[in-house]
PDB file of N, CA and C in Angstrom:
ATOM      1  N   UNK A   1     -50.627  -3.325 -47.225  1.00  0.00           N
ATOM      2  CA  UNK A   1     -50.497  -4.136 -46.278  1.00  0.00           C
ATOM      3  C   UNK A   1     -49.305  -4.229 -45.003  1.00  0.00           C
ATOM      4  N   UNK A   2     -48.275  -3.725 -45.984  1.00  0.00           N
ATOM      5  CA  UNK A   2     -47.013  -3.810 -45.452  1.00  0.00           C
ATOM      6  C   UNK A   2     -46.695  -2.743 -44.461  1.00  0.00           C
ATOM      7  N   UNK A   3     -47.792  -1.406 -44.120  1.00  0.00           N
ATOM      8  CA  UNK A   3     -48.120  -1.267 -43.254  1.00  0.00           C
ATOM      9  C   UNK A   3     -48.355  -1.489 -41.543  1.00  0.00           C
ATOM     10  N   UNK A   4     -49.611  -2.319 -42.205  1.00  0.00           N
ATOM     11  CA  UNK A   4     -49.755  -2.765 -40.281  1.00  0.00           C
ATOM     12  C   UNK A   4     -48.936  -3.857 -39.998  1.00  0.00           C
ATOM     13  N   UNK A   5     -48.419  -4.156 -41.682  1.00  0.00           N
ATOM     14  CA  UNK A   5     -47.610  -5.712 -40.820  1.00  0.00           C
ATOM     15  C   UNK A   5     -46.636  -4.777 -39.768  1.00  0.00           C
ATOM     16  N   UNK A   6     -45.813  -3.887 -40.332  1.00  0.00           N
ATOM     17  CA  UNK A   6     -44.667  -3.302 -40.379  1.00  0.00           C
ATOM     18  C   UNK A   6     -44.855  -2.630 -38.516  1.00  0.00           C
ATOM     19  N   UNK A   7     -46.351  -1.997 -38.768  1.00  0.00           N
ATOM     20  CA  UNK A   7     -47.068  -1.632 -36.709  1.00  0.00           C
ATOM     21  C   UNK A   7     -46.865  -2.617 -36.213  1.00  0.00           C
ATOM     22  N   UNK A   8     -47.086  -3.857 -36.385  1.00  0.00           N
ATOM     23  CA  UNK A   8     -47.433  -4.379 -35.636  1.00  0.00           C
ATOM     24  C   UNK A   8     -46.465  -5.605 -34.661  1.00  0.00           C
ATOM     25  N   UNK A   9     -45.158  -5.498 -36.594  1.00  0.00           N
ATOM     26  CA  UNK A   9     -44.330  -5.802 -35.228  1.00  0.00           C
ATOM     27  C   UNK A   9     -43.089  -4.975 -34.812  1.00  0.00           C
ATOM     28  N   UNK A  10     -43.471  -3.774 -34.727  1.00  0.00           N
ATOM     29  CA  UNK A  10     -43.161  -2.896 -33.949  1.00  0.00           C
ATOM     30  C   UNK A  10     -43.766  -3.099 -32.424  1.00  0.00           C
ATOM     31  N   UNK A  11     -45.199  -3.155 -32.382  1.00  0.00           N
ATOM     32  CA  UNK A  11     -45.898  -3.199 -31.886  1.00  0.00           C
ATOM     33  C   UNK A  11     -45.549  -4.559 -30.495  1.00  0.00           C
ATOM     34  N   UNK A  12     -45.443  -5.943 -30.955  1.00  0.00           N
ATOM     35  CA  UNK A  12     -45.120  -6.584 -30.752  1.00  0.00           C
ATOM     36  C   UNK A  12     -43.739  -6.318 -30.238  1.00  0.00           C
ATOM     37  N   UNK A  13     -42.727  -6.124 -30.829  1.00  0.00           N
ATOM     38  CA  UNK A  13     -40.768  -5.722 -30.344  1.00  0.00           C
ATOM     39  C   UNK A  13     -41.006  -4.954 -29.128  1.00  0.00           C
ATOM     40  N   UNK A  14     -41.880  -3.843 -29.046  1.00  0.00           N
ATOM     41  CA  UNK A  14     -41.785  -3.211 -27.660  1.00  0.00           C
ATOM     42  C   UNK A  14     -42.829  -3.661 -26.650  1.00  0.00           C
ATOM     43  N   UNK A  15     -43.558  -4.337 -26.982  1.00  0.00           N
ATOM     44  CA  UNK A  15     -45.023  -4.897 -25.931  1.00  0.00           C
ATOM     45  C   UNK A  15     -44.183  -6.492 -25.174  1.00  0.00           C
ATOM     46  N   UNK A  16     -43.683  -7.231 -26.560  1.00  0.00           N
ATOM     47  CA  UNK A  16     -43.984  -8.710 -25.962  1.00  0.00           C
ATOM     48  C   UNK A  16     -42.648  -8.896 -25.987  1.00  0.00           C
ATOM     49  N   UNK A  17     -41.476  -7.575 -26.479  1.00  0.00           N
ATOM     50  CA  UNK A  17     -40.139  -8.479 -25.901  1.00  0.00           C
ATOM     51  C   UNK A  17     -39.556  -7.666 -24.960  1.00  0.00           C
ATOM     52  N   UNK A  18     -40.212  -6.576 -24.355  1.00  0.00           N
ATOM     53  CA  UNK A  18     -39.806  -5.526 -23.811  1.00  0.00           C
ATOM     54  C   UNK A  18     -38.897  -5.764 -22.688  1.00  0.00           C
ATOM     55  N   UNK A  19     -39.023  -7.186 -22.104  1.00  0.00           N
ATOM     56  CA  UNK A  19     -37.538  -7.785 -21.020  1.00  0.00           C
ATOM     57  C   UNK A  19     -36.471  -7.782 -22.076  1.00  0.00           C
ATOM     58  N   UNK A  20     -36.028  -7.955 -22.940  1.00  0.00           N
ATOM     59  CA  UNK A  20     -34.784  -8.132 -24.008  1.00  0.00           C
ATOM     60  C   UNK A  20     -34.358  -6.969 -23.655  1.00  0.00           C
ATOM     61  N   UNK A  21     -34.848  -5.495 -23.548  1.00  0.00           N
ATOM     62  CA  UNK A  21     -34.068  -4.330 -23.545  1.00  0.00           C
ATOM     63  C   UNK A  21     -34.618  -4.176 -22.255  1.00  0.00           C
ATOM     64  N   UNK A  22     -32.391  -3.764 -22.138  1.00  0.00           N
ATOM     65  CA  UNK A  22     -33.036  -3.009 -20.352  1.00  0.00           C
ATOM     66  C   UNK A  22     -33.474  -3.769 -19.415  1.00  0.00           C
ATOM     67  N   UNK A  23     -33.626  -5.391 -19.457  1.00  0.00           N
ATOM     68  CA  UNK A  23     -34.025  -6.216 -18.712  1.00  0.00           C
ATOM     69  C   UNK A  23     -35.676  -5.297 -18.561  1.00  0.00           C
ATOM     70  N   UNK A  24     -36.082  -4.902 -19.069  1.00  0.00           N
ATOM     71  CA  UNK A  24     -37.393  -4.136 -19.481  1.00  0.00           C
ATOM     72  C   UNK A  24     -37.715  -2.990 -18.545  1.00  0.00           C
ATOM     73  N   UNK A  25     -36.673  -2.077 -18.010  1.00  0.00           N
ATOM     74  CA  UNK A  25     -36.426  -1.390 -16.768  1.00  0.00           C
ATOM     75  C   UNK A  25     -36.684  -1.421 -15.818  1.00  0.00           C
ATOM     76  N   UNK A  26     -36.793  -3.355 -15.666  1.00  0.00           N
ATOM     77  CA  UNK A  26     -36.671  -3.813 -14.133  1.00  0.00           C
ATOM     78  C   UNK A  26     -34.937  -3.772 -13.298  1.00  0.00           C
ATOM     79  N   UNK A  27     -35.490  -3.284 -12.159  1.00  0.00           N
ATOM     80  CA  UNK A  27     -33.762  -3.209 -11.537  1.00  0.00           C
ATOM     81  C   UNK A  27     -33.552  -5.164 -11.578  1.00  0.00           C
ATOM     82  N   UNK A  28     -32.032  -4.406 -11.656  1.00  0.00           N
ATOM     83  CA  UNK A  28     -31.139  -6.328 -12.010  1.00  0.00           C
ATOM     84  C   UNK A  28     -30.869  -7.149 -11.475  1.00  0.00           C
ATOM     85  N   UNK A  29     -31.784  -6.807 -10.210  1.00  0.00           N
ATOM     86  CA  UNK A  29     -31.764  -8.328  -9.092  1.00  0.00           C
ATOM     87  C   UNK A  29     -33.481  -8.674  -9.177  1.00  0.00           C
ATOM     88  N   UNK A  30     -33.846  -7.817 -10.739  1.00  0.00           N
ATOM     89  CA  UNK A  30     -35.226  -8.261 -10.226  1.00  0.00           C
ATOM     90  C   UNK A  30     -35.153  -9.240 -11.670  1.00  0.00           C
ATOM     91  N   UNK A  31     -36.977 -10.348 -12.166  1.00  0.00           N
ATOM     92  CA  UNK A  31     -36.895 -10.904 -13.250  1.00  0.00           C
ATOM     93  C   UNK A  31     -38.215 -10.039 -13.580  1.00  0.00           C
ATOM     94  N   UNK A  32     -37.780 -10.396 -15.464  1.00  0.00           N
ATOM     95  CA  UNK A  32     -38.602  -9.256 -16.046  1.00  0.00           C
ATOM     96  C   UNK A  32     -39.839 -10.612 -16.812  1.00  0.00           C
ATOM     97  N   UNK A  33     -40.825 -10.201 -16.487  1.00  0.00           N
ATOM     98  CA  UNK A  33     -42.110 -10.971 -17.371  1.00  0.00           C
ATOM     99  C   UNK A  33     -43.186 -10.424 -18.214  1.00  0.00           C
ATOM    100  N   UNK A  34     -43.925 -10.968 -18.512  1.00  0.00           N
ATOM    101  CA  UNK A  34     -44.993  -9.893 -19.194  1.00  0.00           C
ATOM    102  C   UNK A  34     -46.605 -10.106 -18.335  1.00  0.00           C
ATOM    103  N   UNK A  35     -47.358  -9.281 -18.059  1.00  0.00           N
ATOM    104  CA  UNK A  35     -48.412  -9.732 -17.910  1.00  0.00           C
ATOM    105  C   UNK A  35     -49.085 -10.410 -18.846  1.00  0.00           C
ATOM    106  N   UNK A  36     -49.784 -11.483 -19.001  1.00  0.00           N
ATOM    107  CA  UNK A  36     -50.259 -12.874 -19.846  1.00  0.00           C
ATOM    108  C   UNK A  36     -51.624 -11.767 -20.256  1.00  0.00           C
ATOM    109  N   UNK A  37     -52.028 -10.721 -20.681  1.00  0.00           N
ATOM    110  CA  UNK A  37     -53.255  -9.854 -20.539  1.00  0.00           C
ATOM    111  C   UNK A  37     -53.161  -9.183 -21.568  1.00  0.00           C
ATOM    112  N   UNK A  38     -52.390  -7.792 -20.871  1.00  0.00           N
ATOM    113  CA  UNK A  38     -52.237  -6.931 -21.161  1.00  0.00           C
ATOM    114  C   UNK A  38     -50.513  -6.411 -22.012  1.00  0.00           C
ATOM    115  N   UNK A  39     -49.097  -7.690 -21.722  1.00  0.00           N
ATOM    116  CA  UNK A  39     -48.226  -7.634 -21.910  1.00  0.00           C
ATOM    117  C   UNK A  39     -47.522  -6.513 -21.271  1.00  0.00           C
ATOM    118  N   UNK A  40     -47.838  -6.151 -20.288  1.00  0.00           N
ATOM    119  CA  UNK A  40     -47.048  -4.881 -19.377  1.00  0.00           C
ATOM    120  C   UNK A  40     -46.127  -5.597 -18.814  1.00  0.00           C
ATOM    121  N   UNK A  41     -44.883  -5.177 -18.742  1.00  0.00           N
ATOM    122  CA  UNK A  41     -43.811  -5.473 -17.997  1.00  0.00           C
ATOM    123  C   UNK A  41     -43.675  -5.704 -16.369  1.00  0.00           C
ATOM    124  N   UNK A  42     -43.978  -7.167 -16.005  1.00  0.00           N
ATOM    125  CA  UNK A  42     -44.082  -7.181 -14.560  1.00  0.00           C
ATOM    126  C   UNK A  42     -42.484  -7.721 -14.168  1.00  0.00           C
ATOM    127  N   UNK A  43     -42.251  -6.887 -12.944  1.00  0.00           N
ATOM    128  CA  UNK A  43     -40.811  -6.907 -12.618  1.00  0.00           C
ATOM    129  C   UNK A  43     -40.876  -7.841 -11.093  1.00  0.00           C
ATOM    130  N   UNK A  44     -40.097  -8.541 -10.858  1.00  0.00           N
ATOM    131  CA  UNK A  44     -40.203  -9.437  -9.518  1.00  0.00           C
ATOM    132  C   UNK A  44     -38.437  -9.355  -9.068  1.00  0.00           C
ATOM    133  N   UNK A  45     -38.865  -9.090  -7.782  1.00  0.00           N
ATOM    134  CA  UNK A  45     -37.793  -9.674  -6.855  1.00  0.00           C
ATOM    135  C   UNK A  45     -37.701 -11.304  -6.707  1.00  0.00           C
ATOM    136  N   UNK A  46     -35.950 -11.206  -6.159  1.00  0.00           N
ATOM    137  CA  UNK A  46     -35.677 -13.139  -5.742  1.00  0.00           C
ATOM    138  C   UNK A  46     -36.056 -12.984  -4.479  1.00  0.00           C
ATOM    139  N   UNK A  47     -35.959 -14.575  -3.932  1.00  0.00           N
ATOM    140  CA  UNK A  47     -36.612 -14.437  -2.655  1.00  0.00           C
ATOM    141  C   UNK A  47     -34.700 -13.598  -1.515  1.00  0.00           C
ATOM    142  N   UNK A  48     -35.721 -12.920  -0.953  1.00  0.00           N
ATOM    143  CA  UNK A  48     -34.507 -12.506  -0.047  1.00  0.00           C
ATOM    144  C   UNK A  48     -35.018 -10.703  -0.335  1.00  0.00           C
ATOM    145  N   UNK A  49     -35.569 -10.439  -1.341  1.00  0.00           N
ATOM    146  CA  UNK A  49     -35.426  -9.443  -1.313  1.00  0.00           C
ATOM    147  C   UNK A  49     -36.680  -8.975  -1.808  1.00  0.00           C
ATOM    148  N   UNK A  50     -37.274  -7.332  -1.345  1.00  0.00           N
ATOM    149  CA  UNK A  50     -38.763  -6.642  -1.467  1.00  0.00           C
ATOM    150  C   UNK A  50     -38.524  -5.621  -2.323  1.00  0.00           C
ATOM    151  N   UNK A  51     -39.280  -4.752  -3.438  1.00  0.00           N
ATOM    152  CA  UNK A  51     -39.810  -4.057  -3.797  1.00  0.00           C
ATOM    153  C   UNK A  51     -39.330  -2.930  -2.940  1.00  0.00           C
ATOM    154  N   UNK A  52     -39.078  -2.162  -3.380  1.00  0.00           N
ATOM    155  CA  UNK A  52     -37.912  -0.630  -2.831  1.00  0.00           C
ATOM    156  C   UNK A  52     -38.934   0.720  -3.299  1.00  0.00           C
ATOM    157  N   UNK A  53     -40.454   0.164  -3.849  1.00  0.00           N
ATOM    158  CA  UNK A  53     -41.204   1.299  -4.400  1.00  0.00           C
ATOM    159  C   UNK A  53     -42.356  -0.047  -4.984  1.00  0.00           C
ATOM    160  N   UNK A  54     -43.064   1.235  -5.648  1.00  0.00           N
ATOM    161  CA  UNK A  54     -44.517   0.913  -5.977  1.00  0.00           C
ATOM    162  C   UNK A  54     -44.718   0.982  -7.252  1.00  0.00           C
ATOM    163  N   UNK A  55     -43.722   1.729  -7.876  1.00  0.00           N
ATOM    164  CA  UNK A  55     -43.832   1.777  -9.967  1.00  0.00           C
ATOM    165  C   UNK A  55     -43.178  -0.009 -10.261  1.00  0.00           C
ATOM    166  N   UNK A  56     -43.300   0.704 -11.103  1.00  0.00           N
ATOM    167  CA  UNK A  56     -42.682  -0.414 -12.306  1.00  0.00           C
ATOM    168  C   UNK A  56     -41.268  -1.247 -12.050  1.00  0.00           C
ATOM    169  N   UNK A  57     -40.604  -0.091 -11.646  1.00  0.00           N
ATOM    170  CA  UNK A  57     -38.850  -0.191 -12.446  1.00  0.00           C
ATOM    171  C   UNK A  57     -38.469   0.078 -11.097  1.00  0.00           C
ATOM    172  N   UNK A  58     -38.916  -0.582 -10.155  1.00  0.00           N
ATOM    173  CA  UNK A  58     -39.025  -0.156  -8.787  1.00  0.00           C
ATOM    174  C   UNK A  58     -37.451  -0.979  -8.324  1.00  0.00           C
ATOM    175  N   UNK A  59     -36.811  -0.923  -7.390  1.00  0.00           N
ATOM    176  CA  UNK A  59     -35.604  -1.792  -7.162  1.00  0.00           C
ATOM    177  C   UNK A  59     -36.409  -3.162  -5.888  1.00  0.00           C
ATOM    178  N   UNK A  60     -34.770  -3.454  -6.152  1.00  0.00           N
ATOM    179  CA  UNK A  60     -34.801  -4.754  -5.292  1.00  0.00           C
ATOM    180  C   UNK A  60     -34.425  -4.414  -4.605  1.00  0.00           C
ATOM    181  N   UNK A  61     -34.184  -4.626  -3.053  1.00  0.00           N
ATOM    182  CA  UNK A  61     -33.927  -4.005  -1.745  1.00  0.00           C
ATOM    183  C   UNK A  61     -33.471  -5.589  -0.964  1.00  0.00           C
ATOM    184  N   UNK A  62     -32.485  -5.694  -0.062  1.00  0.00           N
ATOM    185  CA  UNK A  62     -32.182  -6.540   0.605  1.00  0.00           C
ATOM    186  C   UNK A  62     -33.542  -6.624   1.742  1.00  0.00           C
ATOM    187  N   UNK A  63     -34.081  -8.147   1.980  1.00  0.00           N
ATOM    188  CA  UNK A  63     -34.949  -7.955   2.633  1.00  0.00           C
ATOM    189  C   UNK A  63     -34.908  -7.616   4.485  1.00  0.00           C
ATOM    190  N   UNK A  64     -33.941  -8.237   4.407  1.00  0.00           N
ATOM    191  CA  UNK A  64     -32.588  -7.789   6.129  1.00  0.00           C
ATOM    192  C   UNK A  64     -33.338  -6.504   6.539  1.00  0.00           C
ATOM    193  N   UNK A  65     -33.110  -5.559   5.248  1.00  0.00           N
ATOM    194  CA  UNK A  65     -32.961  -4.248   5.458  1.00  0.00           C
ATOM    195  C   UNK A  65     -33.987  -3.400   5.329  1.00  0.00           C
ATOM    196  N   UNK A  66     -34.958  -3.873   5.940  1.00  0.00           N
ATOM    197  CA  UNK A  66     -36.343  -3.465   5.400  1.00  0.00           C
ATOM    198  C   UNK A  66     -37.428  -4.055   6.360  1.00  0.00           C
ATOM    199  N   UNK A  67     -37.454  -3.029   7.851  1.00  0.00           N
ATOM    200  CA  UNK A  67     -38.222  -4.018   8.765  1.00  0.00           C
ATOM    201  C   UNK A  67     -37.564  -4.939   9.365  1.00  0.00           C
ATOM    202  N   UNK A  68     -36.486  -5.486   9.166  1.00  0.00           N
ATOM    203  CA  UNK A  68     -35.849  -6.370  10.183  1.00  0.00           C
ATOM    204  C   UNK A  68     -36.300  -7.363   9.343  1.00  0.00           C
ATOM    205  N   UNK A  69     -36.685  -7.451   7.928  1.00  0.00           N
ATOM    206  CA  UNK A  69     -37.113  -8.843   7.586  1.00  0.00           C
ATOM    207  C   UNK A  69     -38.596  -9.255   7.489  1.00  0.00           C
ATOM    208  N   UNK A  70     -39.104  -8.422   8.890  1.00  0.00           N
ATOM    209  CA  UNK A  70     -40.864  -9.213   9.492  1.00  0.00           C
ATOM    210  C   UNK A  70     -39.563 -10.145  10.658  1.00  0.00           C
ATOM    211  N   UNK A  71     -38.599 -10.121  10.923  1.00  0.00           N
ATOM    212  CA  UNK A  71     -38.349 -10.691  12.044  1.00  0.00           C
ATOM    213  C   UNK A  71     -38.517  -9.998  13.574  1.00  0.00           C
ATOM    214  N   UNK A  72     -39.235 -10.818  14.672  1.00  0.00           N
ATOM    215  CA  UNK A  72     -39.066 -10.050  15.889  1.00  0.00           C
ATOM    216  C   UNK A  72     -37.864  -8.901  15.900  1.00  0.00           C
ATOM    217  N   UNK A  73     -38.573  -7.802  17.053  1.00  0.00           N
ATOM    218  CA  UNK A  73     -37.664  -6.932  17.362  1.00  0.00           C
ATOM    219  C   UNK A  73     -36.319  -6.968  18.489  1.00  0.00           C
ATOM    220  N   UNK A  74     -36.604  -8.355  18.849  1.00  0.00           N
ATOM    221  CA  UNK A  74     -34.925  -9.095  19.270  1.00  0.00           C
ATOM    222  C   UNK A  74     -34.877 -10.072  18.945  1.00  0.00           C
ATOM    223  N   UNK A  75     -34.684  -9.765  17.683  1.00  0.00           N
ATOM    224  CA  UNK A  75     -34.045 -11.193  16.583  1.00  0.00           C
ATOM    225  C   UNK A  75     -33.157 -10.832  15.497  1.00  0.00           C
ATOM    226  N   UNK A  76     -32.383 -11.608  15.118  1.00  0.00           N
ATOM    227  CA  UNK A  76     -31.039 -10.905  13.967  1.00  0.00           C
ATOM    228  C   UNK A  76     -31.335 -11.436  12.373  1.00  0.00           C
ATOM    229  N   UNK A  77     -31.744 -10.436  12.034  1.00  0.00           N
ATOM    230  CA  UNK A  77     -32.682 -11.437  10.088  1.00  0.00           C
ATOM    231  C   UNK A  77     -31.406 -11.743   9.519  1.00  0.00           C
ATOM    232  N   UNK A  78     -30.940 -12.884   8.676  1.00  0.00           N
ATOM    233  CA  UNK A  78     -30.219 -13.167   7.849  1.00  0.00           C
ATOM    234  C   UNK A  78     -30.829 -14.135   7.142  1.00  0.00           C
ATOM    235  N   UNK A  79     -30.321 -14.532   6.026  1.00  0.00           N
ATOM    236  CA  UNK A  79     -30.674 -15.251   4.484  1.00  0.00           C
ATOM    237  C   UNK A  79     -29.798 -16.777   4.714  1.00  0.00           C
ATOM    238  N   UNK A  80     -30.879 -17.808   4.767  1.00  0.00           N
ATOM    239  CA  UNK A  80     -30.466 -18.983   4.594  1.00  0.00           C
ATOM    240  C   UNK A  80     -28.984 -19.340   3.196  1.00  0.00           C
ATOM    241  N   UNK A  81     -28.787 -20.169   3.535  1.00  0.00           N
ATOM    242  CA  UNK A  81     -27.329 -20.217   2.751  1.00  0.00           C
ATOM    243  C   UNK A  81     -27.733 -20.285   1.119  1.00  0.00           C
ATOM    244  N   UNK A  82     -28.769 -21.471   1.390  1.00  0.00           N
ATOM    245  CA  UNK A  82     -29.341 -22.057  -0.172  1.00  0.00           C
ATOM    246  C   UNK A  82     -30.474 -21.717  -0.759  1.00  0.00           C
ATOM    247  N   UNK A  83     -31.669 -21.170  -0.011  1.00  0.00           N
ATOM    248  CA  UNK A  83     -32.442 -20.674  -0.862  1.00  0.00           C
ATOM    249  C   UNK A  83     -33.120 -19.332  -0.875  1.00  0.00           C
ATOM    250  N   UNK A  84     -31.950 -18.464   0.115  1.00  0.00           N
ATOM    251  CA  UNK A  84     -31.506 -17.089   0.138  1.00  0.00           C
ATOM    252  C   UNK A  84     -32.938 -16.549   1.098  1.00  0.00           C
ATOM    253  N   UNK A  85     -33.672 -17.334   1.536  1.00  0.00           N
ATOM    254  CA  UNK A  85     -34.754 -17.246   2.477  1.00  0.00           C
ATOM    255  C   UNK A  85     -34.963 -16.426   3.436  1.00  0.00           C
ATOM    256  N   UNK A  86     -35.499 -15.132   4.048  1.00  0.00           N
ATOM    257  CA  UNK A  86     -34.972 -14.880   5.306  1.00  0.00           C
ATOM    258  C   UNK A  86     -35.234 -15.567   6.614  1.00  0.00           C
ATOM    259  N   UNK A  87     -34.329 -16.387   7.247  1.00  0.00           N
ATOM    260  CA  UNK A  87     -34.340 -16.291   8.434  1.00  0.00           C
ATOM    261  C   UNK A  87     -33.946 -15.865   9.640  1.00  0.00           C
ATOM    262  N   UNK A  88     -34.870 -15.886  11.144  1.00  0.00           N
ATOM    263  CA  UNK A  88     -34.787 -14.808  11.896  1.00  0.00           C
ATOM    264  C   UNK A  88     -34.048 -15.801  12.861  1.00  0.00           C
ATOM    265  N   UNK A  89     -33.156 -15.447  13.372  1.00  0.00           N
ATOM    266  CA  UNK A  89     -32.495 -16.022  15.088  1.00  0.00           C
ATOM    267  C   UNK A  89     -32.195 -14.961  16.252  1.00  0.00           C
ATOM    268  N   UNK A  90     -32.987 -15.328  17.608  1.00  0.00           N
ATOM    269  CA  UNK A  90     -33.450 -14.453  18.109  1.00  0.00           C
ATOM    270  C   UNK A  90     -32.018 -13.810  18.977  1.00  0.00           C
ATOM    271  N   UNK A  91     -32.362 -13.081  19.451  1.00  0.00           N
ATOM    272  CA  UNK A  91     -31.122 -12.714  20.682  1.00  0.00           C
ATOM    273  C   UNK A  91     -30.620 -13.300  22.132  1.00  0.00           C
ATOM    274  N   UNK A  92     -29.178 -13.025  21.889  1.00  0.00           N
ATOM    275  CA  UNK A  92     -28.616 -13.940  23.543  1.00  0.00           C
ATOM    276  C   UNK A  92     -29.830 -13.636  24.346  1.00  0.00           C
ATOM    277  N   UNK A  93     -30.050 -14.307  24.958  1.00  0.00           N
ATOM    278  CA  UNK A  93     -31.586 -14.424  26.159  1.00  0.00           C
ATOM    279  C   UNK A  93     -32.549 -14.476  26.183  1.00  0.00           C
ATOM    280  N   UNK A  94     -33.219 -14.317  24.532  1.00  0.00           N
ATOM    281  CA  UNK A  94     -34.319 -14.997  23.612  1.00  0.00           C
ATOM    282  C   UNK A  94     -34.209 -16.414  23.233  1.00  0.00           C
ATOM    283  N   UNK A  95     -35.584 -16.732  23.403  1.00  0.00           N
ATOM    284  CA  UNK A  95     -36.322 -17.870  22.820  1.00  0.00           C
ATOM    285  C   UNK A  95     -36.814 -18.308  21.856  1.00  0.00           C
ATOM    286  N   UNK A  96     -36.298 -18.766  20.779  1.00  0.00           N
ATOM    287  CA  UNK A  96     -37.065 -19.351  19.571  1.00  0.00           C
ATOM    288  C   UNK A  96     -38.036 -19.941  19.340  1.00  0.00           C
ATOM    289  N   UNK A  97     -39.888 -18.931  18.783  1.00  0.00           N
ATOM    290  CA  UNK A  97     -40.596 -19.475  18.573  1.00  0.00           C
ATOM    291  C   UNK A  97     -41.089 -19.150  17.402  1.00  0.00           C
ATOM    292  N   UNK A  98     -41.623 -20.387  16.178  1.00  0.00           N
ATOM    293  CA  UNK A  98     -41.727 -20.241  15.102  1.00  0.00           C
ATOM    294  C   UNK A  98     -40.711 -20.436  14.758  1.00  0.00           C
ATOM    295  N   UNK A  99     -40.586 -20.693  13.260  1.00  0.00           N
ATOM    296  CA  UNK A  99     -39.686 -20.782  12.249  1.00  0.00           C
ATOM    297  C   UNK A  99     -39.707 -19.834  10.472  1.00  0.00           C
ATOM    298  N   UNK A 100     -37.658 -19.906  10.237  1.00  0.00           N
ATOM    299  CA  UNK A 100     -37.392 -19.162   9.323  1.00  0.00           C
ATOM    300  C   UNK A 100     -37.849 -17.413   9.874  1.00  0.00           C
ATOM    301  N   UNK A 101     -38.821 -17.252   8.843  1.00  0.00           N
ATOM    302  CA  UNK A 101     -39.102 -15.448   8.932  1.00  0.00           C
ATOM    303  C   UNK A 101     -40.362 -15.200  10.191  1.00  0.00           C
ATOM    304  N   UNK A 102     -41.142 -16.815  10.954  1.00  0.00           N
ATOM    305  CA  UNK A 102     -42.324 -16.518  11.318  1.00  0.00           C
ATOM    306  C   UNK A 102     -41.596 -16.292  12.760  1.00  0.00           C
ATOM    307  N   UNK A 103     -40.463 -16.633  13.174  1.00  0.00           N
ATOM    308  CA  UNK A 103     -40.237 -16.682  14.487  1.00  0.00           C
ATOM    309  C   UNK A 103     -40.270 -15.460  15.376  1.00  0.00           C
ATOM    310  N   UNK A 104     -40.272 -15.837  16.516  1.00  0.00           N
ATOM    311  CA  UNK A 104     -41.405 -14.578  17.516  1.00  0.00           C
ATOM    312  C   UNK A 104     -39.817 -15.162  18.992  1.00  0.00           C
ATOM    313  N   UNK A 105     -39.210 -14.392  19.538  1.00  0.00           N
ATOM    314  CA  UNK A 105     -38.867 -14.346  20.705  1.00  0.00           C
ATOM    315  C   UNK A 105     -39.404 -13.973  22.024  1.00  0.00           C
ATOM    316  N   UNK A 106     -38.950 -15.011  22.296  1.00  0.00           N
ATOM    317  CA  UNK A 106     -40.401 -15.103  24.064  1.00  0.00           C
ATOM    318  C   UNK A 106     -38.857 -15.239  25.530  1.00  0.00           C
ATOM    319  N   UNK A 107     -39.399 -14.085  26.217  1.00  0.00           N
ATOM    320  CA  UNK A 107     -38.987 -14.255  27.671  1.00  0.00           C
ATOM    321  C   UNK A 107     -37.297 -13.861  27.482  1.00  0.00           C
ATOM    322  N   UNK A 108     -36.821 -13.172  29.120  1.00  0.00           N
ATOM    323  CA  UNK A 108     -35.557 -13.016  28.693  1.00  0.00           C
ATOM    324  C   UNK A 108     -34.721 -13.710  30.459  1.00  0.00           C
ATOM    325  N   UNK A 109     -34.375 -14.682  29.408  1.00  0.00           N
ATOM    326  CA  UNK A 109     -33.704 -15.516  30.194  1.00  0.00           C
ATOM    327  C   UNK A 109     -32.205 -15.024  31.042  1.00  0.00           C
ATOM    328  N   UNK A 110     -31.284 -16.180  31.206  1.00  0.00           N
ATOM    329  CA  UNK A 110     -30.032 -15.526  31.541  1.00  0.00           C
ATOM    330  C   UNK A 110     -29.144 -14.840  30.272  1.00  0.00           C
ATOM    331  N   UNK A 111     -28.398 -14.379  30.342  1.00  0.00           N
ATOM    332  CA  UNK A 111     -27.421 -13.949  28.968  1.00  0.00           C
ATOM    333  C   UNK A 111     -25.922 -14.727  29.409  1.00  0.00           C
ATOM    334  N   UNK A 112     -25.792 -15.340  30.079  1.00  0.00           N
ATOM    335  CA  UNK A 112     -24.554 -16.141  30.274  1.00  0.00           C
ATOM    336  C   UNK A 112     -24.585 -17.703  30.139  1.00  0.00           C
TER     337      UNK A 112
END
């Protein structure tokens, strides 16, 4: 009986409490949780960050540094000061159409 209990405890420590050791191998910017079925480590990037790869331990990078955060090519990518969500602002001479990271820059007006 002792061997079974001891082995279960070791399994539980490695599978259920995996986030307690080195953040589960997740990036320092990521939140470590466990899949509710498999108990596998799941790394989630916070708002304003995206995963830099496909594996579980992929890093979280500033979303504005990846394809301009999804902003239009004529827009600047920044982060909301409260939520850290992506905010796109059209460059001078263009008109904002949309909101947040769904901004499209239309026309080319006067630059003065």
